[in-house]
Amino acid sequence: MNIELIKTELIQEVDQLFQKEHNKSLQKRIEKKIKSWKEQITETEELIERVNCTLQHILQRHGITFKHQLEKEGFTHYIEPTIHQLVLRNMKD
């Protein structure tokens, strides 16, 4: 498994996904008032779920499965900072 390739694909796909959404929702964001804390948390949780779902699709596409929990934990530890960066970068104001 080439972890760097997986990480690169994840970044590219999430950026493409949210770039399309960002353009669509720009007008809505301009018209919208400040969101409540609960709305912001819900949107952040949805964003994290979408990034994780994208990662799962990439892993499936490459036929990657984890044989041991330790192997999965090592991968998760390695990819987690990338996921955090993607979430922060794509959070809506």
C-alpha atoms as a PDB file:
ATOM      1  CA  MET A   1       0.000   0.000   0.000  1.00  0.00           C
ATOM      2  CA  ASN A   2       1.343   3.388  -0.976  1.00  0.00           C
ATOM      3  CA  ILE A   3       0.095   5.633   1.824  1.00  0.00           C
ATOM      4  CA  GLU A   4       1.353   8.806   0.159  1.00  0.00           C
ATOM      5  CA  LEU A   5      -0.690   7.975  -2.965  1.00  0.00           C
ATOM      6  CA  ILE A   6      -3.799   7.426  -0.832  1.00  0.00           C
ATOM      7  CA  LYS A   7      -3.188  10.712   0.983  1.00  0.00           C
ATOM      8  CA  THR A   8      -2.711  12.589  -2.294  1.00  0.00           C
ATOM      9  CA  GLU A   9      -5.883  11.129  -3.797  1.00  0.00           C
ATOM     10  CA  LEU A  10      -7.839  11.982  -0.664  1.00  0.00           C
ATOM     11  CA  ILE A  11      -6.687  15.597  -0.774  1.00  0.00           C
ATOM     12  CA  GLN A  12      -7.467  15.933  -4.475  1.00  0.00           C
ATOM     13  CA  GLU A  13     -10.901  14.345  -4.293  1.00  0.00           C
ATOM     14  CA  VAL A  14     -12.016  16.259  -1.212  1.00  0.00           C
ATOM     15  CA  ASP A  15     -10.756  19.527  -2.698  1.00  0.00           C
ATOM     16  CA  GLN A  16     -12.670  18.859  -5.921  1.00  0.00           C
ATOM     17  CA  LEU A  17     -15.798  17.898  -4.025  1.00  0.00           C
ATOM     18  CA  PHE A  18     -15.830  20.979  -1.845  1.00  0.00           C
ATOM     19  CA  GLN A  19     -14.664  23.365  -4.549  1.00  0.00           C
ATOM     20  CA  LYS A  20     -17.822  22.548  -6.491  1.00  0.00           C
ATOM     21  CA  GLU A  21     -19.929  22.993  -3.373  1.00  0.00           C
ATOM     22  CA  HIS A  22     -18.160  26.187  -2.394  1.00  0.00           C
ATOM     23  CA  ASN A  23     -19.047  27.806  -5.710  1.00  0.00           C
ATOM     24  CA  LYS A  24     -22.681  26.740  -5.397  1.00  0.00           C
ATOM     25  CA  SER A  25     -23.081  27.864  -1.819  1.00  0.00           C
ATOM     26  CA  LEU A  26     -21.274  31.207  -2.041  1.00  0.00           C
ATOM     27  CA  GLN A  27     -24.482  33.117  -2.670  1.00  0.00           C
ATOM     28  CA  LYS A  28     -26.274  31.226   0.091  1.00  0.00           C
ATOM     29  CA  ARG A  29     -23.477  32.034   2.535  1.00  0.00           C
ATOM     30  CA  ILE A  30     -23.704  35.726   1.651  1.00  0.00           C
ATOM     31  CA  GLU A  31     -27.453  35.743   2.256  1.00  0.00           C
ATOM     32  CA  LYS A  32     -27.344  33.642   5.428  1.00  0.00           C
ATOM     33  CA  LYS A  33     -27.124  35.103   8.888  1.00  0.00           C
ATOM     34  CA  ILE A  34     -24.662  33.863  11.471  1.00  0.00           C
ATOM     35  CA  LYS A  35     -25.222  30.202  12.243  1.00  0.00           C
ATOM     36  CA  SER A  36     -25.883  28.896  15.687  1.00  0.00           C
ATOM     37  CA  TRP A  37     -23.224  26.878  17.464  1.00  0.00           C
ATOM     38  CA  LYS A  38     -25.357  23.733  17.055  1.00  0.00           C
ATOM     39  CA  GLU A  39     -25.599  24.287  13.279  1.00  0.00           C
ATOM     40  CA  GLN A  40     -21.839  24.750  13.032  1.00  0.00           C
ATOM     41  CA  ILE A  41     -21.165  21.544  14.971  1.00  0.00           C
ATOM     42  CA  THR A  42     -23.616  19.599  12.805  1.00  0.00           C
ATOM     43  CA  GLU A  43     -21.991  20.891   9.614  1.00  0.00           C
ATOM     44  CA  THR A  44     -18.526  20.030  10.927  1.00  0.00           C
ATOM     45  CA  GLU A  45     -19.605  16.502  11.816  1.00  0.00           C
ATOM     46  CA  GLU A  46     -21.099  16.103   8.335  1.00  0.00           C
ATOM     47  CA  LEU A  47     -17.869  17.367   6.803  1.00  0.00           C
ATOM     48  CA  ILE A  48     -15.786  14.872   8.797  1.00  0.00           C
ATOM     49  CA  GLU A  49     -18.132  12.089   7.715  1.00  0.00           C
ATOM     50  CA  ARG A  50     -17.806  13.084   4.042  1.00  0.00           C
ATOM     51  CA  VAL A  51     -14.005  13.158   4.231  1.00  0.00           C
ATOM     52  CA  ASN A  52     -13.964   9.732   5.914  1.00  0.00           C
ATOM     53  CA  CYS A  53     -16.416   8.376   3.334  1.00  0.00           C
ATOM     54  CA  THR A  54     -14.176   9.647   0.529  1.00  0.00           C
ATOM     55  CA  LEU A  55     -11.205   7.946   2.175  1.00  0.00           C
ATOM     56  CA  GLN A  56     -13.125   4.662   2.396  1.00  0.00           C
ATOM     57  CA  HIS A  57     -13.990   4.872  -1.324  1.00  0.00           C
ATOM     58  CA  ILE A  58     -10.331   5.419  -2.181  1.00  0.00           C
ATOM     59  CA  LEU A  59      -9.251   2.467  -0.037  1.00  0.00           C
ATOM     60  CA  GLN A  60     -11.890   0.257  -1.666  1.00  0.00           C
ATOM     61  CA  ARG A  61     -10.882   1.401  -5.145  1.00  0.00           C
ATOM     62  CA  HIS A  62      -7.313   0.314  -4.394  1.00  0.00           C
ATOM     63  CA  GLY A  63      -8.486  -2.938  -2.815  1.00  0.00           C
ATOM     64  CA  ILE A  64      -6.935  -2.054   0.525  1.00  0.00           C
ATOM     65  CA  THR A  65      -8.155  -3.902   3.584  1.00  0.00           C
ATOM     66  CA  PHE A  66      -6.563  -4.083   6.992  1.00  0.00           C
ATOM     67  CA  LYS A  67      -5.754  -7.540   8.277  1.00  0.00           C
ATOM     68  CA  HIS A  68      -4.963  -6.474  11.826  1.00  0.00           C
ATOM     69  CA  GLN A  69      -6.197  -3.716  14.111  1.00  0.00           C
ATOM     70  CA  LEU A  70      -2.601  -2.578  14.581  1.00  0.00           C
ATOM     71  CA  GLU A  71      -2.222  -2.086  10.825  1.00  0.00           C
ATOM     72  CA  LYS A  72      -5.420  -0.018  10.726  1.00  0.00           C
ATOM     73  CA  GLU A  73      -4.316   2.061  13.713  1.00  0.00           C
ATOM     74  CA  GLY A  74      -0.965   2.777  12.058  1.00  0.00           C
ATOM     75  CA  PHE A  75      -2.688   3.949   8.890  1.00  0.00           C
ATOM     76  CA  THR A  76      -5.166   6.040  10.876  1.00  0.00           C
ATOM     77  CA  HIS A  77      -2.352   7.647  12.848  1.00  0.00           C
ATOM     78  CA  TYR A  78      -0.554   8.539   9.623  1.00  0.00           C
ATOM     79  CA  ILE A  79      -3.585   9.897   7.703  1.00  0.00           C
ATOM     80  CA  GLU A  80      -5.271  11.717  10.623  1.00  0.00           C
ATOM     81  CA  PRO A  81      -3.370  15.022  10.261  1.00  0.00           C
ATOM     82  CA  THR A  82      -4.362  15.140   6.590  1.00  0.00           C
ATOM     83  CA  ILE A  83      -8.012  14.587   7.474  1.00  0.00           C
ATOM     84  CA  HIS A  84      -7.854  17.347  10.089  1.00  0.00           C
ATOM     85  CA  GLN A  85      -6.313  19.753   7.581  1.00  0.00           C
ATOM     86  CA  LEU A  86      -8.977  18.952   4.993  1.00  0.00           C
ATOM     87  CA  VAL A  87     -11.755  19.492   7.508  1.00  0.00           C
ATOM     88  CA  LEU A  88     -10.328  22.803   8.708  1.00  0.00           C
ATOM     89  CA  ARG A  89      -9.720  24.026   5.171  1.00  0.00           C
ATOM     90  CA  ASN A  90     -13.262  23.194   4.048  1.00  0.00           C
ATOM     91  CA  MET A  91     -15.203  24.379   7.077  1.00  0.00           C
ATOM     92  CA  LYS A  92     -17.778  26.992   6.250  1.00  0.00           C
ATOM     93  CA  ASP A  93     -17.649  30.258   8.100  1.00  0.00           C
END
